[in-house]
Amino acid sequence: MDQNFTFMVYGFTAAWLIVILYVISLALRESRLRQELDRVKRMLEEREK
Protein backbone atom coordinates (compact mmCIF):
# COMPACT_ATOMS: atom_id res chain seq x y z
CA MET A 1 0.00 0.00 0.00
CA ASP A 2 2.80 2.40 0.89
CA GLN A 3 4.53 1.80 -2.46
CA ASN A 4 1.30 2.52 -4.35
CA PHE A 5 0.97 5.83 -2.54
CA THR A 6 4.55 6.73 -3.50
CA PHE A 7 3.86 6.01 -7.17
CA MET A 8 0.64 8.05 -6.97
CA VAL A 9 2.58 11.02 -5.56
CA TYR A 10 5.15 10.67 -8.35
CA GLY A 11 2.36 10.57 -10.91
CA PHE A 12 0.66 13.68 -9.57
CA THR A 13 3.99 15.48 -9.38
CA ALA A 14 4.76 14.61 -12.99
CA ALA A 15 1.28 15.68 -14.10
CA TRP A 16 1.56 19.05 -12.34
CA LEU A 17 5.01 19.59 -13.77
CA ILE A 18 3.71 18.96 -17.28
CA VAL A 19 0.79 21.35 -16.73
CA ILE A 20 3.09 24.07 -15.37
CA LEU A 21 5.51 23.71 -18.28
CA TYR A 22 2.62 23.87 -20.74
CA VAL A 23 1.26 27.06 -19.15
CA ILE A 24 4.73 28.63 -19.26
CA SER A 25 5.08 27.75 -22.94
CA LEU A 26 1.67 29.29 -23.66
CA ALA A 27 2.68 32.49 -21.86
CA LEU A 28 5.90 32.71 -23.86
CA ARG A 29 4.03 32.19 -27.14
CA GLU A 30 1.52 34.88 -26.20
CA SER A 31 4.34 37.28 -25.41
CA ARG A 32 5.99 36.65 -28.79
CA LEU A 33 2.67 37.06 -30.60
CA ARG A 34 2.01 40.38 -28.83
CA GLN A 35 5.45 41.65 -29.85
CA GLU A 36 4.83 40.61 -33.45
CA LEU A 37 1.41 42.26 -33.45
CA ASP A 38 2.89 45.49 -32.08
CA ARG A 39 5.56 45.39 -34.78
CA VAL A 40 2.92 44.95 -37.50
CA LYS A 41 0.85 47.81 -36.06
CA ARG A 42 3.88 50.10 -36.10
CA MET A 43 4.63 49.13 -39.70
CA LEU A 44 1.05 49.92 -40.73
CA GLU A 45 1.11 53.27 -38.92
CA GLU A 46 4.38 54.22 -40.63
CA ARG A 47 2.99 53.17 -43.98
CA GLU A 48 -0.11 55.37 -43.56
CA LYS A 49 1.99 58.48 -42.90
PDB file of N, CA and C in Angstrom:
ATOM      1  N   MET A   1       0.828  -1.194   0.000  1.00  0.00           N
ATOM      2  CA  MET A   1       0.000   0.000   0.000  1.00  0.00           C
ATOM      3  C   MET A   1       0.869   1.253   0.000  1.00  0.00           C
ATOM      4  N   ASP A   2       1.932   1.241   0.792  1.00  0.00           N
ATOM      5  CA  ASP A   2       2.800   2.400   0.887  1.00  0.00           C
ATOM      6  C   ASP A   2       3.483   2.680  -0.447  1.00  0.00           C
ATOM      7  N   GLN A   3       3.868   1.629  -1.166  1.00  0.00           N
ATOM      8  CA  GLN A   3       4.528   1.805  -2.455  1.00  0.00           C
ATOM      9  C   GLN A   3       3.548   2.384  -3.476  1.00  0.00           C
ATOM     10  N   ASN A   4       2.298   1.965  -3.438  1.00  0.00           N
ATOM     11  CA  ASN A   4       1.302   2.520  -4.354  1.00  0.00           C
ATOM     12  C   ASN A   4       1.117   4.008  -4.120  1.00  0.00           C
ATOM     13  N   PHE A   5       1.107   4.417  -2.862  1.00  0.00           N
ATOM     14  CA  PHE A   5       0.971   5.834  -2.539  1.00  0.00           C
ATOM     15  C   PHE A   5       2.157   6.620  -3.085  1.00  0.00           C
ATOM     16  N   THR A   6       3.349   6.066  -2.972  1.00  0.00           N
ATOM     17  CA  THR A   6       4.553   6.729  -3.495  1.00  0.00           C
ATOM     18  C   THR A   6       4.441   6.918  -4.999  1.00  0.00           C
ATOM     19  N   PHE A   7       4.000   5.883  -5.717  1.00  0.00           N
ATOM     20  CA  PHE A   7       3.861   6.011  -7.165  1.00  0.00           C
ATOM     21  C   PHE A   7       2.767   7.015  -7.530  1.00  0.00           C
ATOM     22  N   MET A   8       1.708   7.080  -6.728  1.00  0.00           N
ATOM     23  CA  MET A   8       0.644   8.054  -6.969  1.00  0.00           C
ATOM     24  C   MET A   8       1.185   9.480  -6.801  1.00  0.00           C
ATOM     25  N   VAL A   9       1.988   9.697  -5.776  1.00  0.00           N
ATOM     26  CA  VAL A   9       2.583  11.023  -5.562  1.00  0.00           C
ATOM     27  C   VAL A   9       3.494  11.377  -6.736  1.00  0.00           C
ATOM     28  N   TYR A  10       4.299  10.416  -7.192  1.00  0.00           N
ATOM     29  CA  TYR A  10       5.154  10.666  -8.353  1.00  0.00           C
ATOM     30  C   TYR A  10       4.319  11.005  -9.588  1.00  0.00           C
ATOM     31  N   GLY A  11       3.230  10.312  -9.763  1.00  0.00           N
ATOM     32  CA  GLY A  11       2.362  10.573 -10.912  1.00  0.00           C
ATOM     33  C   GLY A  11       1.753  11.960 -10.868  1.00  0.00           C
ATOM     34  N   PHE A  12       1.236  12.344  -9.703  1.00  0.00           N
ATOM     35  CA  PHE A  12       0.658  13.681  -9.570  1.00  0.00           C
ATOM     36  C   PHE A  12       1.712  14.767  -9.743  1.00  0.00           C
ATOM     37  N   THR A  13       2.901  14.510  -9.222  1.00  0.00           N
ATOM     38  CA  THR A  13       3.988  15.480  -9.379  1.00  0.00           C
ATOM     39  C   THR A  13       4.345  15.645 -10.852  1.00  0.00           C
ATOM     40  N   ALA A  14       4.445  14.544 -11.564  1.00  0.00           N
ATOM     41  CA  ALA A  14       4.756  14.608 -12.995  1.00  0.00           C
ATOM     42  C   ALA A  14       3.646  15.327 -13.757  1.00  0.00           C
ATOM     43  N   ALA A  15       2.395  15.041 -13.413  1.00  0.00           N
ATOM     44  CA  ALA A  15       1.277  15.684 -14.097  1.00  0.00           C
ATOM     45  C   ALA A  15       1.294  17.191 -13.866  1.00  0.00           C
ATOM     46  N   TRP A  16       1.510  17.618 -12.623  1.00  0.00           N
ATOM     47  CA  TRP A  16       1.556  19.054 -12.342  1.00  0.00           C
ATOM     48  C   TRP A  16       2.739  19.715 -13.032  1.00  0.00           C
ATOM     49  N   LEU A  17       3.839  19.035 -13.088  1.00  0.00           N
ATOM     50  CA  LEU A  17       5.012  19.592 -13.767  1.00  0.00           C
ATOM     51  C   LEU A  17       4.725  19.797 -15.253  1.00  0.00           C
ATOM     52  N   ILE A  18       4.076  18.833 -15.862  1.00  0.00           N
ATOM     53  CA  ILE A  18       3.713  18.955 -17.279  1.00  0.00           C
ATOM     54  C   ILE A  18       2.750  20.120 -17.479  1.00  0.00           C
ATOM     55  N   VAL A  19       1.759  20.252 -16.615  1.00  0.00           N
ATOM     56  CA  VAL A  19       0.794  21.352 -16.729  1.00  0.00           C
ATOM     57  C   VAL A  19       1.498  22.699 -16.571  1.00  0.00           C
ATOM     58  N   ILE A  20       2.375  22.805 -15.595  1.00  0.00           N
ATOM     59  CA  ILE A  20       3.088  24.075 -15.368  1.00  0.00           C
ATOM     60  C   ILE A  20       3.962  24.422 -16.560  1.00  0.00           C
ATOM     61  N   LEU A  21       4.684  23.445 -17.104  1.00  0.00           N
ATOM     62  CA  LEU A  21       5.515  23.710 -18.282  1.00  0.00           C
ATOM     63  C   LEU A  21       4.671  24.122 -19.485  1.00  0.00           C
ATOM     64  N   TYR A  22       3.504  23.517 -19.639  1.00  0.00           N
ATOM     65  CA  TYR A  22       2.616  23.875 -20.738  1.00  0.00           C
ATOM     66  C   TYR A  22       2.111  25.303 -20.590  1.00  0.00           C
ATOM     67  N   VAL A  23       1.738  25.697 -19.392  1.00  0.00           N
ATOM     68  CA  VAL A  23       1.261  27.064 -19.154  1.00  0.00           C
ATOM     69  C   VAL A  23       2.378  28.075 -19.416  1.00  0.00           C
ATOM     70  N   ILE A  24       3.590  27.740 -18.998  1.00  0.00           N
ATOM     71  CA  ILE A  24       4.725  28.634 -19.259  1.00  0.00           C
ATOM     72  C   ILE A  24       4.959  28.769 -20.757  1.00  0.00           C
ATOM     73  N   SER A  25       4.875  27.671 -21.492  1.00  0.00           N
ATOM     74  CA  SER A  25       5.084  27.746 -22.940  1.00  0.00           C
ATOM     75  C   SER A  25       3.988  28.581 -23.605  1.00  0.00           C
ATOM     76  N   LEU A  26       2.748  28.465 -23.120  1.00  0.00           N
ATOM     77  CA  LEU A  26       1.670  29.294 -23.665  1.00  0.00           C
ATOM     78  C   LEU A  26       1.922  30.769 -23.391  1.00  0.00           C
ATOM     79  N   ALA A  27       2.393  31.094 -22.201  1.00  0.00           N
ATOM     80  CA  ALA A  27       2.677  32.485 -21.856  1.00  0.00           C
ATOM     81  C   ALA A  27       3.791  33.048 -22.738  1.00  0.00           C
ATOM     82  N   LEU A  28       4.811  32.254 -23.003  1.00  0.00           N
ATOM     83  CA  LEU A  28       5.905  32.711 -23.864  1.00  0.00           C
ATOM     84  C   LEU A  28       5.419  32.927 -25.295  1.00  0.00           C
ATOM     85  N   ARG A  29       4.577  32.018 -25.782  1.00  0.00           N
ATOM     86  CA  ARG A  29       4.030  32.187 -27.136  1.00  0.00           C
ATOM     87  C   ARG A  29       3.190  33.455 -27.225  1.00  0.00           C
ATOM     88  N   GLU A  30       2.371  33.689 -26.190  1.00  0.00           N
ATOM     89  CA  GLU A  30       1.523  34.881 -26.199  1.00  0.00           C
ATOM     90  C   GLU A  30       2.384  36.140 -26.214  1.00  0.00           C
ATOM     91  N   SER A  31       3.449  36.132 -25.450  1.00  0.00           N
ATOM     92  CA  SER A  31       4.342  37.285 -25.413  1.00  0.00           C
ATOM     93  C   SER A  31       4.950  37.548 -26.789  1.00  0.00           C
ATOM     94  N   ARG A  32       5.414  36.485 -27.444  1.00  0.00           N
ATOM     95  CA  ARG A  32       5.993  36.651 -28.790  1.00  0.00           C
ATOM     96  C   ARG A  32       4.951  37.138 -29.785  1.00  0.00           C
ATOM     97  N   LEU A  33       3.728  36.624 -29.687  1.00  0.00           N
ATOM     98  CA  LEU A  33       2.673  37.061 -30.595  1.00  0.00           C
ATOM     99  C   LEU A  33       2.319  38.530 -30.380  1.00  0.00           C
ATOM    100  N   ARG A  34       2.283  38.962 -29.120  1.00  0.00           N
ATOM    101  CA  ARG A  34       2.008  40.379 -28.831  1.00  0.00           C
ATOM    102  C   ARG A  34       3.095  41.274 -29.420  1.00  0.00           C
ATOM    103  N   GLN A  35       4.354  40.866 -29.282  1.00  0.00           N
ATOM    104  CA  GLN A  35       5.447  41.650 -29.849  1.00  0.00           C
ATOM    105  C   GLN A  35       5.324  41.735 -31.364  1.00  0.00           C
ATOM    106  N   GLU A  36       5.001  40.625 -31.991  1.00  0.00           N
ATOM    107  CA  GLU A  36       4.834  40.609 -33.447  1.00  0.00           C
ATOM    108  C   GLU A  36       3.670  41.497 -33.870  1.00  0.00           C
ATOM    109  N   LEU A  37       2.574  41.440 -33.139  1.00  0.00           N
ATOM    110  CA  LEU A  37       1.415  42.264 -33.449  1.00  0.00           C
ATOM    111  C   LEU A  37       1.746  43.747 -33.294  1.00  0.00           C
ATOM    112  N   ASP A  38       2.475  44.099 -32.253  1.00  0.00           N
ATOM    113  CA  ASP A  38       2.893  45.491 -32.076  1.00  0.00           C
ATOM    114  C   ASP A  38       3.784  45.944 -33.231  1.00  0.00           C
ATOM    115  N   ARG A  39       4.666  45.055 -33.663  1.00  0.00           N
ATOM    116  CA  ARG A  39       5.559  45.392 -34.781  1.00  0.00           C
ATOM    117  C   ARG A  39       4.750  45.633 -36.058  1.00  0.00           C
ATOM    118  N   VAL A  40       3.761  44.791 -36.305  1.00  0.00           N
ATOM    119  CA  VAL A  40       2.925  44.950 -37.502  1.00  0.00           C
ATOM    120  C   VAL A  40       2.120  46.241 -37.406  1.00  0.00           C
ATOM    121  N   LYS A  41       1.599  46.558 -36.231  1.00  0.00           N
ATOM    122  CA  LYS A  41       0.848  47.807 -36.057  1.00  0.00           C
ATOM    123  C   LYS A  41       1.723  49.019 -36.343  1.00  0.00           C
ATOM    124  N   ARG A  42       2.962  48.982 -35.843  1.00  0.00           N
ATOM    125  CA  ARG A  42       3.881  50.099 -36.101  1.00  0.00           C
ATOM    126  C   ARG A  42       4.179  50.221 -37.595  1.00  0.00           C
ATOM    127  N   MET A  43       4.364  49.087 -38.259  1.00  0.00           N
ATOM    128  CA  MET A  43       4.626  49.126 -39.695  1.00  0.00           C
ATOM    129  C   MET A  43       3.452  49.742 -40.448  1.00  0.00           C
ATOM    130  N   LEU A  44       2.227  49.374 -40.070  1.00  0.00           N
ATOM    131  CA  LEU A  44       1.051  49.923 -40.728  1.00  0.00           C
ATOM    132  C   LEU A  44       0.912  51.419 -40.460  1.00  0.00           C
ATOM    133  N   GLU A  45       1.190  51.844 -39.236  1.00  0.00           N
ATOM    134  CA  GLU A  45       1.107  53.269 -38.922  1.00  0.00           C
ATOM    135  C   GLU A  45       2.128  54.061 -39.716  1.00  0.00           C
ATOM    136  N   GLU A  46       3.341  53.532 -39.858  1.00  0.00           N
ATOM    137  CA  GLU A  46       4.383  54.220 -40.627  1.00  0.00           C
ATOM    138  C   GLU A  46       3.996  54.272 -42.106  1.00  0.00           C
ATOM    139  N   ARG A  47       3.367  53.230 -42.581  1.00  0.00           N
ATOM    140  CA  ARG A  47       2.988  53.175 -43.985  1.00  0.00           C
ATOM    141  C   ARG A  47       1.884  54.177 -44.312  1.00  0.00           C
ATOM    142  N   GLU A  48       0.995  54.436 -43.343  1.00  0.00           N
ATOM    143  CA  GLU A  48      -0.106  55.371 -43.560  1.00  0.00           C
ATOM    144  C   GLU A  48       0.363  56.819 -43.589  1.00  0.00           C
ATOM    145  N   LYS A  49       1.490  57.094 -42.963  1.00  0.00           N
ATOM    146  CA  LYS A  49       1.986  58.477 -42.900  1.00  0.00           C
ATOM    147  C   LYS A  49       2.558  58.944 -44.202  1.00  0.00           C
TER     148      LYS A  49
END
